[in-house]
């Protein structure tokens, strides 16, 4: 499967404004997962929730149409989609005529499934929902629920992932809690540009030491990794070091190129959260 260095990320690219599915660039999930100790089936399920704010096409009479698009990408797909290629692909709809919004939605679904699953059978189709301008005022804005870790007054001096900060009270009664932080930052592994995010961690099990958890999250500040990979690394470090009985990691990153990516990884089947943007998004 394609390597990120071969993607259009970080390279000059010509404007393509007529539909071209070949612009989508898949990246295999397996190598990054192997690097964090995942062999075979991961101990999590979940999805990557994408929002696209720059989608437009022409109707049969040549009049521009537009929508906000919400995508649900199943994390069991063998590949993820590199974000710049996704932006270029969406841009290629601009001067292409479609019968209606339903035709656009079905084309998006078919193209994404083809790249996400490659030669493998499609086990779970990507979800696509288009929000047209008459419903823009229904798009909600909300912050992640939970107890803020950012309230803690701590010293920080590590800016590459430091899982050794993670510990839990294994000799005390288990707890159930939801913790959030807005201090997540990582960097694009190709361009080195910063990616800003918030993260919500919900778990049942031995109580996680909160100051150590916040230091751990801050330690991603100079880490190079795609959004999806960072969420999975956080999940795996918490899963192996703190040994919760149930765990959910949900990250919401600010948008780039009209796209935001919001990975959710959970140890147990659960309803996906609504794709509601935060104030920073």
C-alpha atoms as a PDB file:
ATOM      1  CA  UNK A   1       0.000   0.000   0.000  1.00  0.00           C
ATOM      2  CA  UNK A   2       1.053   3.582  -0.604  1.00  0.00           C
ATOM      3  CA  UNK A   3       3.502   5.288   1.725  1.00  0.00           C
ATOM      4  CA  UNK A   4       2.820   8.789   3.055  1.00  0.00           C
ATOM      5  CA  UNK A   5       5.973  10.129   1.394  1.00  0.00           C
ATOM      6  CA  UNK A   6       4.446   9.291  -1.991  1.00  0.00           C
ATOM      7  CA  UNK A   7       1.262  11.226  -1.219  1.00  0.00           C
ATOM      8  CA  UNK A   8       0.580  14.808  -2.400  1.00  0.00           C
ATOM      9  CA  UNK A   9       1.138  16.025   1.158  1.00  0.00           C
ATOM     10  CA  UNK A  10       3.851  18.680   1.327  1.00  0.00           C
ATOM     11  CA  UNK A  11       4.205  18.934  -2.456  1.00  0.00           C
ATOM     12  CA  UNK A  12       2.996  21.548  -4.967  1.00  0.00           C
ATOM     13  CA  UNK A  13      -0.169  20.247  -6.609  1.00  0.00           C
ATOM     14  CA  UNK A  14      -2.118  21.558  -9.593  1.00  0.00           C
ATOM     15  CA  UNK A  15      -5.741  22.578  -9.193  1.00  0.00           C
ATOM     16  CA  UNK A  16      -8.076  19.835 -10.394  1.00  0.00           C
ATOM     17  CA  UNK A  17     -11.664  21.060 -10.568  1.00  0.00           C
ATOM     18  CA  UNK A  18     -13.262  18.239 -12.548  1.00  0.00           C
ATOM     19  CA  UNK A  19     -14.167  15.038 -10.773  1.00  0.00           C
ATOM     20  CA  UNK A  20     -11.214  12.677 -10.304  1.00  0.00           C
ATOM     21  CA  UNK A  21     -11.464   9.734  -7.878  1.00  0.00           C
ATOM     22  CA  UNK A  22      -7.806   8.951  -8.535  1.00  0.00           C
ATOM     23  CA  UNK A  23      -6.817  11.879  -6.311  1.00  0.00           C
ATOM     24  CA  UNK A  24      -7.691   9.902  -3.166  1.00  0.00           C
ATOM     25  CA  UNK A  25      -4.512   8.539  -1.577  1.00  0.00           C
ATOM     26  CA  UNK A  26      -4.838   5.582   0.829  1.00  0.00           C
ATOM     27  CA  UNK A  27      -2.297   4.848   3.571  1.00  0.00           C
ATOM     28  CA  UNK A  28      -2.202   1.426   5.212  1.00  0.00           C
ATOM     29  CA  UNK A  29      -3.028   1.436   8.919  1.00  0.00           C
ATOM     30  CA  UNK A  30      -1.033  -1.722   9.728  1.00  0.00           C
ATOM     31  CA  UNK A  31       2.556  -0.340   9.886  1.00  0.00           C
ATOM     32  CA  UNK A  32       1.735   2.374  12.432  1.00  0.00           C
ATOM     33  CA  UNK A  33      -0.270  -0.124  14.460  1.00  0.00           C
ATOM     34  CA  UNK A  34       2.577  -2.616  14.458  1.00  0.00           C
ATOM     35  CA  UNK A  35       4.862   0.117  15.803  1.00  0.00           C
ATOM     36  CA  UNK A  36       2.676   0.452  18.936  1.00  0.00           C
ATOM     37  CA  UNK A  37       2.362  -3.277  19.530  1.00  0.00           C
ATOM     38  CA  UNK A  38      -0.825  -4.144  17.654  1.00  0.00           C
ATOM     39  CA  UNK A  39      -0.534  -7.454  15.852  1.00  0.00           C
ATOM     40  CA  UNK A  40      -3.657  -8.868  14.271  1.00  0.00           C
ATOM     41  CA  UNK A  41      -7.045  -7.620  15.448  1.00  0.00           C
ATOM     42  CA  UNK A  42      -6.757  -4.404  17.529  1.00  0.00           C
ATOM     43  CA  UNK A  43      -8.236  -4.325  21.048  1.00  0.00           C
ATOM     44  CA  UNK A  44     -10.517  -1.496  19.957  1.00  0.00           C
ATOM     45  CA  UNK A  45     -13.295  -0.620  17.542  1.00  0.00           C
ATOM     46  CA  UNK A  46     -14.414   2.810  16.430  1.00  0.00           C
ATOM     47  CA  UNK A  47     -14.339   5.243  13.559  1.00  0.00           C
ATOM     48  CA  UNK A  48     -12.780   8.408  12.196  1.00  0.00           C
ATOM     49  CA  UNK A  49     -15.359  11.192  12.013  1.00  0.00           C
ATOM     50  CA  UNK A  50     -14.518  13.672   9.248  1.00  0.00           C
ATOM     51  CA  UNK A  51     -16.172  16.999   8.493  1.00  0.00           C
ATOM     52  CA  UNK A  52     -15.661  18.712   5.124  1.00  0.00           C
ATOM     53  CA  UNK A  53     -16.575  22.383   4.892  1.00  0.00           C
ATOM     54  CA  UNK A  54     -15.473  22.936   1.275  1.00  0.00           C
ATOM     55  CA  UNK A  55     -17.684  20.756  -0.931  1.00  0.00           C
ATOM     56  CA  UNK A  56     -19.360  22.192  -4.021  1.00  0.00           C
ATOM     57  CA  UNK A  57     -20.609  20.874  -7.371  1.00  0.00           C
ATOM     58  CA  UNK A  58     -22.823  21.956 -10.273  1.00  0.00           C
ATOM     59  CA  UNK A  59     -26.439  21.016 -10.867  1.00  0.00           C
ATOM     60  CA  UNK A  60     -27.729  19.943 -14.275  1.00  0.00           C
ATOM     61  CA  UNK A  61     -28.122  23.614 -15.298  1.00  0.00           C
ATOM     62  CA  UNK A  62     -24.586  24.528 -14.253  1.00  0.00           C
ATOM     63  CA  UNK A  63     -25.529  26.350 -11.060  1.00  0.00           C
ATOM     64  CA  UNK A  64     -23.126  25.793  -8.134  1.00  0.00           C
ATOM     65  CA  UNK A  65     -24.435  23.781  -5.197  1.00  0.00           C
ATOM     66  CA  UNK A  66     -22.736  23.310  -1.829  1.00  0.00           C
ATOM     67  CA  UNK A  67     -22.939  21.340   1.391  1.00  0.00           C
ATOM     68  CA  UNK A  68     -21.118  20.475   4.586  1.00  0.00           C
ATOM     69  CA  UNK A  69     -20.240  16.790   4.496  1.00  0.00           C
ATOM     70  CA  UNK A  70     -19.958  14.461   7.489  1.00  0.00           C
ATOM     71  CA  UNK A  71     -18.111  11.168   7.008  1.00  0.00           C
ATOM     72  CA  UNK A  72     -17.845   8.111   9.269  1.00  0.00           C
ATOM     73  CA  UNK A  73     -14.783   6.039   8.332  1.00  0.00           C
ATOM     74  CA  UNK A  74     -14.701   2.629  10.084  1.00  0.00           C
ATOM     75  CA  UNK A  75     -11.401   2.037  11.836  1.00  0.00           C
ATOM     76  CA  UNK A  76     -11.393  -1.624  10.767  1.00  0.00           C
ATOM     77  CA  UNK A  77     -10.783  -0.534   7.172  1.00  0.00           C
ATOM     78  CA  UNK A  78      -7.253  -1.549   6.082  1.00  0.00           C
ATOM     79  CA  UNK A  79      -6.457   2.008   5.005  1.00  0.00           C
ATOM     80  CA  UNK A  80      -6.986   5.593   6.021  1.00  0.00           C
ATOM     81  CA  UNK A  81      -7.211   8.478   3.551  1.00  0.00           C
ATOM     82  CA  UNK A  82      -4.435  11.078   3.550  1.00  0.00           C
ATOM     83  CA  UNK A  83      -6.111  14.423   4.252  1.00  0.00           C
ATOM     84  CA  UNK A  84      -4.589  16.577   1.503  1.00  0.00           C
ATOM     85  CA  UNK A  85      -5.595  14.016  -1.100  1.00  0.00           C
ATOM     86  CA  UNK A  86      -9.106  14.091   0.378  1.00  0.00           C
ATOM     87  CA  UNK A  87      -9.164  17.896   0.020  1.00  0.00           C
ATOM     88  CA  UNK A  88      -7.986  17.679  -3.598  1.00  0.00           C
ATOM     89  CA  UNK A  89     -10.571  15.000  -4.347  1.00  0.00           C
ATOM     90  CA  UNK A  90     -13.401  17.063  -2.876  1.00  0.00           C
ATOM     91  CA  UNK A  91     -12.168  20.080  -4.834  1.00  0.00           C
ATOM     92  CA  UNK A  92     -12.439  18.103  -8.044  1.00  0.00           C
ATOM     93  CA  UNK A  93     -16.241  18.143  -7.723  1.00  0.00           C
ATOM     94  CA  UNK A  94     -16.349  21.945  -8.210  1.00  0.00           C
ATOM     95  CA  UNK A  95     -16.973  22.060 -11.973  1.00  0.00           C
ATOM     96  CA  UNK A  96     -18.673  18.692 -12.342  1.00  0.00           C
ATOM     97  CA  UNK A  97     -22.435  18.364 -12.819  1.00  0.00           C
ATOM     98  CA  UNK A  98     -24.478  15.908 -10.737  1.00  0.00           C
ATOM     99  CA  UNK A  99     -28.194  15.211 -10.887  1.00  0.00           C
ATOM    100  CA  UNK A 100     -28.698  16.049  -7.199  1.00  0.00           C
ATOM    101  CA  UNK A 101     -27.176  15.844  -3.715  1.00  0.00           C
ATOM    102  CA  UNK A 102     -28.048  12.145  -3.476  1.00  0.00           C
ATOM    103  CA  UNK A 103     -25.902  11.431  -6.542  1.00  0.00           C
ATOM    104  CA  UNK A 104     -22.996  13.307  -4.951  1.00  0.00           C
ATOM    105  CA  UNK A 105     -23.400  11.382  -1.695  1.00  0.00           C
ATOM    106  CA  UNK A 106     -23.414   8.004  -3.433  1.00  0.00           C
ATOM    107  CA  UNK A 107     -20.350   8.911  -5.505  1.00  0.00           C
ATOM    108  CA  UNK A 108     -18.482   9.953  -2.354  1.00  0.00           C
ATOM    109  CA  UNK A 109     -19.443   6.716  -0.598  1.00  0.00           C
ATOM    110  CA  UNK A 110     -18.414   4.487  -3.493  1.00  0.00           C
ATOM    111  CA  UNK A 111     -15.052   6.192  -4.046  1.00  0.00           C
ATOM    112  CA  UNK A 112     -14.120   6.212  -0.367  1.00  0.00           C
ATOM    113  CA  UNK A 113     -15.070   2.572   0.117  1.00  0.00           C
ATOM    114  CA  UNK A 114     -12.894   1.623  -2.861  1.00  0.00           C
ATOM    115  CA  UNK A 115      -9.824   3.358  -1.388  1.00  0.00           C
ATOM    116  CA  UNK A 116     -10.394   2.502   2.274  1.00  0.00           C
ATOM    117  CA  UNK A 117     -10.895  -1.219   1.665  1.00  0.00           C
ATOM    118  CA  UNK A 118      -8.727  -1.730  -1.434  1.00  0.00           C
ATOM    119  CA  UNK A 119      -8.830  -5.363  -2.487  1.00  0.00           C
ATOM    120  CA  UNK A 120     -10.410  -6.465   0.808  1.00  0.00           C
ATOM    121  CA  UNK A 121     -14.177  -7.017   1.055  1.00  0.00           C
ATOM    122  CA  UNK A 122     -16.083  -4.034   2.410  1.00  0.00           C
ATOM    123  CA  UNK A 123     -17.091  -5.092   5.926  1.00  0.00           C
ATOM    124  CA  UNK A 124     -18.590  -1.757   6.929  1.00  0.00           C
ATOM    125  CA  UNK A 125     -19.378   1.016   4.484  1.00  0.00           C
ATOM    126  CA  UNK A 126     -18.246   4.572   5.066  1.00  0.00           C
ATOM    127  CA  UNK A 127     -21.101   6.779   6.204  1.00  0.00           C
ATOM    128  CA  UNK A 128     -21.783  10.000   4.275  1.00  0.00           C
ATOM    129  CA  UNK A 129     -24.226  12.737   5.286  1.00  0.00           C
ATOM    130  CA  UNK A 130     -24.609  16.031   3.406  1.00  0.00           C
ATOM    131  CA  UNK A 131     -25.937  19.128   5.151  1.00  0.00           C
ATOM    132  CA  UNK A 132     -27.358  21.606   2.665  1.00  0.00           C
ATOM    133  CA  UNK A 133     -27.476  25.392   3.287  1.00  0.00           C
ATOM    134  CA  UNK A 134     -31.107  25.358   4.389  1.00  0.00           C
ATOM    135  CA  UNK A 135     -29.990  23.301   7.401  1.00  0.00           C
ATOM    136  CA  UNK A 136     -26.721  25.069   8.246  1.00  0.00           C
ATOM    137  CA  UNK A 137     -28.336  26.719  11.279  1.00  0.00           C
ATOM    138  CA  UNK A 138     -28.878  23.247  12.764  1.00  0.00           C
ATOM    139  CA  UNK A 139     -25.145  22.524  12.938  1.00  0.00           C
ATOM    140  CA  UNK A 140     -24.357  22.429  16.646  1.00  0.00           C
ATOM    141  CA  UNK A 141     -21.351  23.667  18.606  1.00  0.00           C
ATOM    142  CA  UNK A 142     -20.349  22.004  21.888  1.00  0.00           C
ATOM    143  CA  UNK A 143     -17.328  21.205  24.023  1.00  0.00           C
ATOM    144  CA  UNK A 144     -16.303  17.715  25.072  1.00  0.00           C
ATOM    145  CA  UNK A 145     -17.932  16.627  28.337  1.00  0.00           C
ATOM    146  CA  UNK A 146     -15.789  15.594  31.281  1.00  0.00           C
ATOM    147  CA  UNK A 147     -13.545  16.758  34.087  1.00  0.00           C
ATOM    148  CA  UNK A 148     -10.862  19.082  32.718  1.00  0.00           C
ATOM    149  CA  UNK A 149      -7.296  17.941  33.249  1.00  0.00           C
ATOM    150  CA  UNK A 150      -6.125  21.393  32.201  1.00  0.00           C
ATOM    151  CA  UNK A 151      -7.100  22.752  35.620  1.00  0.00           C
ATOM    152  CA  UNK A 152      -4.014  21.053  37.069  1.00  0.00           C
ATOM    153  CA  UNK A 153      -0.964  23.249  37.752  1.00  0.00           C
ATOM    154  CA  UNK A 154       1.882  20.995  36.605  1.00  0.00           C
ATOM    155  CA  UNK A 155       5.433  21.225  35.305  1.00  0.00           C
ATOM    156  CA  UNK A 156       5.994  19.913  31.766  1.00  0.00           C
ATOM    157  CA  UNK A 157       9.357  19.216  30.161  1.00  0.00           C
ATOM    158  CA  UNK A 158       8.750  16.246  27.853  1.00  0.00           C
ATOM    159  CA  UNK A 159       7.416  16.850  24.359  1.00  0.00           C
ATOM    160  CA  UNK A 160       7.683  13.428  22.767  1.00  0.00           C
ATOM    161  CA  UNK A 161       5.377  10.621  23.923  1.00  0.00           C
ATOM    162  CA  UNK A 162       6.241   9.592  27.475  1.00  0.00           C
ATOM    163  CA  UNK A 163       3.963   6.685  28.487  1.00  0.00           C
ATOM    164  CA  UNK A 164       5.991   6.243  31.666  1.00  0.00           C
ATOM    165  CA  UNK A 165       3.986   9.153  33.082  1.00  0.00           C
ATOM    166  CA  UNK A 166       0.899   6.922  33.117  1.00  0.00           C
ATOM    167  CA  UNK A 167       0.001   5.092  36.312  1.00  0.00           C
ATOM    168  CA  UNK A 168      -3.136   3.955  38.100  1.00  0.00           C
ATOM    169  CA  UNK A 169      -4.248   3.030  41.619  1.00  0.00           C
ATOM    170  CA  UNK A 170      -4.415  -0.755  41.225  1.00  0.00           C
ATOM    171  CA  UNK A 171      -4.771  -1.314  45.004  1.00  0.00           C
ATOM    172  CA  UNK A 172      -7.862   0.900  45.377  1.00  0.00           C
ATOM    173  CA  UNK A 173     -11.505   0.613  44.375  1.00  0.00           C
ATOM    174  CA  UNK A 174     -12.101   1.022  40.624  1.00  0.00           C
ATOM    175  CA  UNK A 175     -13.763   4.164  39.321  1.00  0.00           C
ATOM    176  CA  UNK A 176     -15.701   5.309  36.292  1.00  0.00           C
ATOM    177  CA  UNK A 177     -14.844   8.764  34.992  1.00  0.00           C
ATOM    178  CA  UNK A 178     -14.470  10.966  31.917  1.00  0.00           C
ATOM    179  CA  UNK A 179     -11.474  13.280  31.593  1.00  0.00           C
ATOM    180  CA  UNK A 180     -10.811  15.936  28.935  1.00  0.00           C
ATOM    181  CA  UNK A 181      -7.955  18.152  27.803  1.00  0.00           C
ATOM    182  CA  UNK A 182      -7.581  20.844  25.163  1.00  0.00           C
ATOM    183  CA  UNK A 183      -3.780  20.677  25.273  1.00  0.00           C
ATOM    184  CA  UNK A 184      -3.266  17.927  22.713  1.00  0.00           C
ATOM    185  CA  UNK A 185      -0.911  18.872  19.915  1.00  0.00           C
ATOM    186  CA  UNK A 186       0.945  16.674  17.446  1.00  0.00           C
ATOM    187  CA  UNK A 187       2.646  17.299  14.118  1.00  0.00           C
ATOM    188  CA  UNK A 188       2.128  16.113  10.562  1.00  0.00           C
ATOM    189  CA  UNK A 189       4.675  13.329   9.922  1.00  0.00           C
ATOM    190  CA  UNK A 190       5.361  14.646   6.405  1.00  0.00           C
ATOM    191  CA  UNK A 191       5.261  18.452   6.600  1.00  0.00           C
ATOM    192  CA  UNK A 192       6.001  18.930  10.297  1.00  0.00           C
ATOM    193  CA  UNK A 193       3.104  21.392  10.596  1.00  0.00           C
ATOM    194  CA  UNK A 194       1.246  21.401  13.947  1.00  0.00           C
ATOM    195  CA  UNK A 195      -2.123  19.735  14.462  1.00  0.00           C
ATOM    196  CA  UNK A 196      -4.146  21.100  17.392  1.00  0.00           C
ATOM    197  CA  UNK A 197      -6.731  19.023  19.190  1.00  0.00           C
ATOM    198  CA  UNK A 198      -8.796  18.179  22.227  1.00  0.00           C
ATOM    199  CA  UNK A 199      -9.165  14.716  23.719  1.00  0.00           C
ATOM    200  CA  UNK A 200     -11.771  12.978  25.855  1.00  0.00           C
ATOM    201  CA  UNK A 201     -10.867   9.832  27.795  1.00  0.00           C
ATOM    202  CA  UNK A 202     -13.615   7.756  29.387  1.00  0.00           C
ATOM    203  CA  UNK A 203     -12.801   4.612  31.345  1.00  0.00           C
ATOM    204  CA  UNK A 204     -13.829   2.136  34.022  1.00  0.00           C
ATOM    205  CA  UNK A 205     -11.116   0.595  36.165  1.00  0.00           C
ATOM    206  CA  UNK A 206      -8.223   1.562  38.431  1.00  0.00           C
ATOM    207  CA  UNK A 207      -8.177   5.338  38.855  1.00  0.00           C
ATOM    208  CA  UNK A 208      -5.675   6.941  36.508  1.00  0.00           C
ATOM    209  CA  UNK A 209      -3.359   9.475  38.126  1.00  0.00           C
ATOM    210  CA  UNK A 210      -4.498  12.733  36.536  1.00  0.00           C
ATOM    211  CA  UNK A 211      -1.315  14.820  36.667  1.00  0.00           C
ATOM    212  CA  UNK A 212       0.608  12.025  34.996  1.00  0.00           C
ATOM    213  CA  UNK A 213      -2.094  11.673  32.347  1.00  0.00           C
ATOM    214  CA  UNK A 214      -1.948  15.389  31.545  1.00  0.00           C
ATOM    215  CA  UNK A 215       1.854  15.299  31.309  1.00  0.00           C
ATOM    216  CA  UNK A 216       1.520  12.315  28.983  1.00  0.00           C
ATOM    217  CA  UNK A 217      -0.933  14.138  26.710  1.00  0.00           C
ATOM    218  CA  UNK A 218       1.290  17.233  26.628  1.00  0.00           C
ATOM    219  CA  UNK A 219       4.228  14.991  25.670  1.00  0.00           C
ATOM    220  CA  UNK A 220       2.701  14.560  22.189  1.00  0.00           C
ATOM    221  CA  UNK A 221       3.513  18.206  21.454  1.00  0.00           C
ATOM    222  CA  UNK A 222       6.478  17.446  19.160  1.00  0.00           C
ATOM    223  CA  UNK A 223       5.353  13.975  18.081  1.00  0.00           C
ATOM    224  CA  UNK A 224       4.969  13.241  14.367  1.00  0.00           C
ATOM    225  CA  UNK A 225       1.857  11.208  13.645  1.00  0.00           C
ATOM    226  CA  UNK A 226      -1.427  11.344  11.782  1.00  0.00           C
ATOM    227  CA  UNK A 227      -4.492  12.120  13.896  1.00  0.00           C
ATOM    228  CA  UNK A 228      -5.797   8.550  13.717  1.00  0.00           C
ATOM    229  CA  UNK A 229      -2.413   7.132  14.752  1.00  0.00           C
ATOM    230  CA  UNK A 230      -2.117   9.479  17.736  1.00  0.00           C
ATOM    231  CA  UNK A 231      -5.531   8.451  19.060  1.00  0.00           C
ATOM    232  CA  UNK A 232      -4.600   4.782  18.734  1.00  0.00           C
ATOM    233  CA  UNK A 233      -1.273   5.320  20.491  1.00  0.00           C
ATOM    234  CA  UNK A 234      -3.011   7.073  23.395  1.00  0.00           C
ATOM    235  CA  UNK A 235      -5.511   4.219  23.606  1.00  0.00           C
ATOM    236  CA  UNK A 236      -2.825   1.521  23.591  1.00  0.00           C
ATOM    237  CA  UNK A 237      -0.634   3.245  26.195  1.00  0.00           C
ATOM    238  CA  UNK A 238      -3.589   3.648  28.559  1.00  0.00           C
ATOM    239  CA  UNK A 239      -4.836   0.118  27.847  1.00  0.00           C
ATOM    240  CA  UNK A 240      -1.518  -1.553  28.595  1.00  0.00           C
ATOM    241  CA  UNK A 241      -0.235   0.622  31.454  1.00  0.00           C
ATOM    242  CA  UNK A 242      -3.426   1.484  33.350  1.00  0.00           C
ATOM    243  CA  UNK A 243      -5.382  -1.705  32.559  1.00  0.00           C
ATOM    244  CA  UNK A 244      -8.927  -0.306  32.508  1.00  0.00           C
ATOM    245  CA  UNK A 245     -11.801  -2.722  32.028  1.00  0.00           C
ATOM    246  CA  UNK A 246     -13.387  -0.321  29.521  1.00  0.00           C
ATOM    247  CA  UNK A 247     -11.752   2.550  27.660  1.00  0.00           C
ATOM    248  CA  UNK A 248     -12.738   5.157  25.074  1.00  0.00           C
ATOM    249  CA  UNK A 249     -10.401   7.727  23.530  1.00  0.00           C
ATOM    250  CA  UNK A 250     -11.996  10.452  21.397  1.00  0.00           C
ATOM    251  CA  UNK A 251      -9.910  13.223  19.813  1.00  0.00           C
ATOM    252  CA  UNK A 252     -11.205  16.248  17.922  1.00  0.00           C
ATOM    253  CA  UNK A 253      -8.621  18.095  15.841  1.00  0.00           C
ATOM    254  CA  UNK A 254      -8.962  21.572  14.380  1.00  0.00           C
ATOM    255  CA  UNK A 255      -9.498  21.745  10.646  1.00  0.00           C
ATOM    256  CA  UNK A 256      -6.908  22.007   7.900  1.00  0.00           C
ATOM    257  CA  UNK A 257      -7.803  22.667   4.284  1.00  0.00           C
ATOM    258  CA  UNK A 258     -11.491  22.733   5.143  1.00  0.00           C
ATOM    259  CA  UNK A 259     -11.352  19.305   6.847  1.00  0.00           C
ATOM    260  CA  UNK A 260     -11.348  18.194  10.458  1.00  0.00           C
ATOM    261  CA  UNK A 261     -10.609  14.623  11.600  1.00  0.00           C
ATOM    262  CA  UNK A 262     -11.977  13.232  14.848  1.00  0.00           C
ATOM    263  CA  UNK A 263     -10.871   9.671  15.696  1.00  0.00           C
ATOM    264  CA  UNK A 264     -12.727   7.571  18.268  1.00  0.00           C
ATOM    265  CA  UNK A 265     -11.330   4.292  19.612  1.00  0.00           C
ATOM    266  CA  UNK A 266     -13.206   2.227  22.183  1.00  0.00           C
ATOM    267  CA  UNK A 267     -12.712  -1.147  23.840  1.00  0.00           C
ATOM    268  CA  UNK A 268     -16.426  -1.966  23.697  1.00  0.00           C
ATOM    269  CA  UNK A 269     -19.308  -1.489  21.263  1.00  0.00           C
ATOM    270  CA  UNK A 270     -21.021   1.856  21.789  1.00  0.00           C
ATOM    271  CA  UNK A 271     -22.983   4.440  19.868  1.00  0.00           C
ATOM    272  CA  UNK A 272     -20.793   6.893  17.987  1.00  0.00           C
ATOM    273  CA  UNK A 273     -20.963  10.440  19.336  1.00  0.00           C
ATOM    274  CA  UNK A 274     -22.644  13.050  17.150  1.00  0.00           C
ATOM    275  CA  UNK A 275     -20.079  14.778  14.949  1.00  0.00           C
ATOM    276  CA  UNK A 276     -20.451  18.119  16.746  1.00  0.00           C
ATOM    277  CA  UNK A 277     -17.610  20.594  16.400  1.00  0.00           C
ATOM    278  CA  UNK A 278     -15.955  22.372  19.293  1.00  0.00           C
ATOM    279  CA  UNK A 279     -15.412  26.138  19.453  1.00  0.00           C
ATOM    280  CA  UNK A 280     -11.876  25.799  18.091  1.00  0.00           C
ATOM    281  CA  UNK A 281     -13.110  23.804  15.128  1.00  0.00           C
END
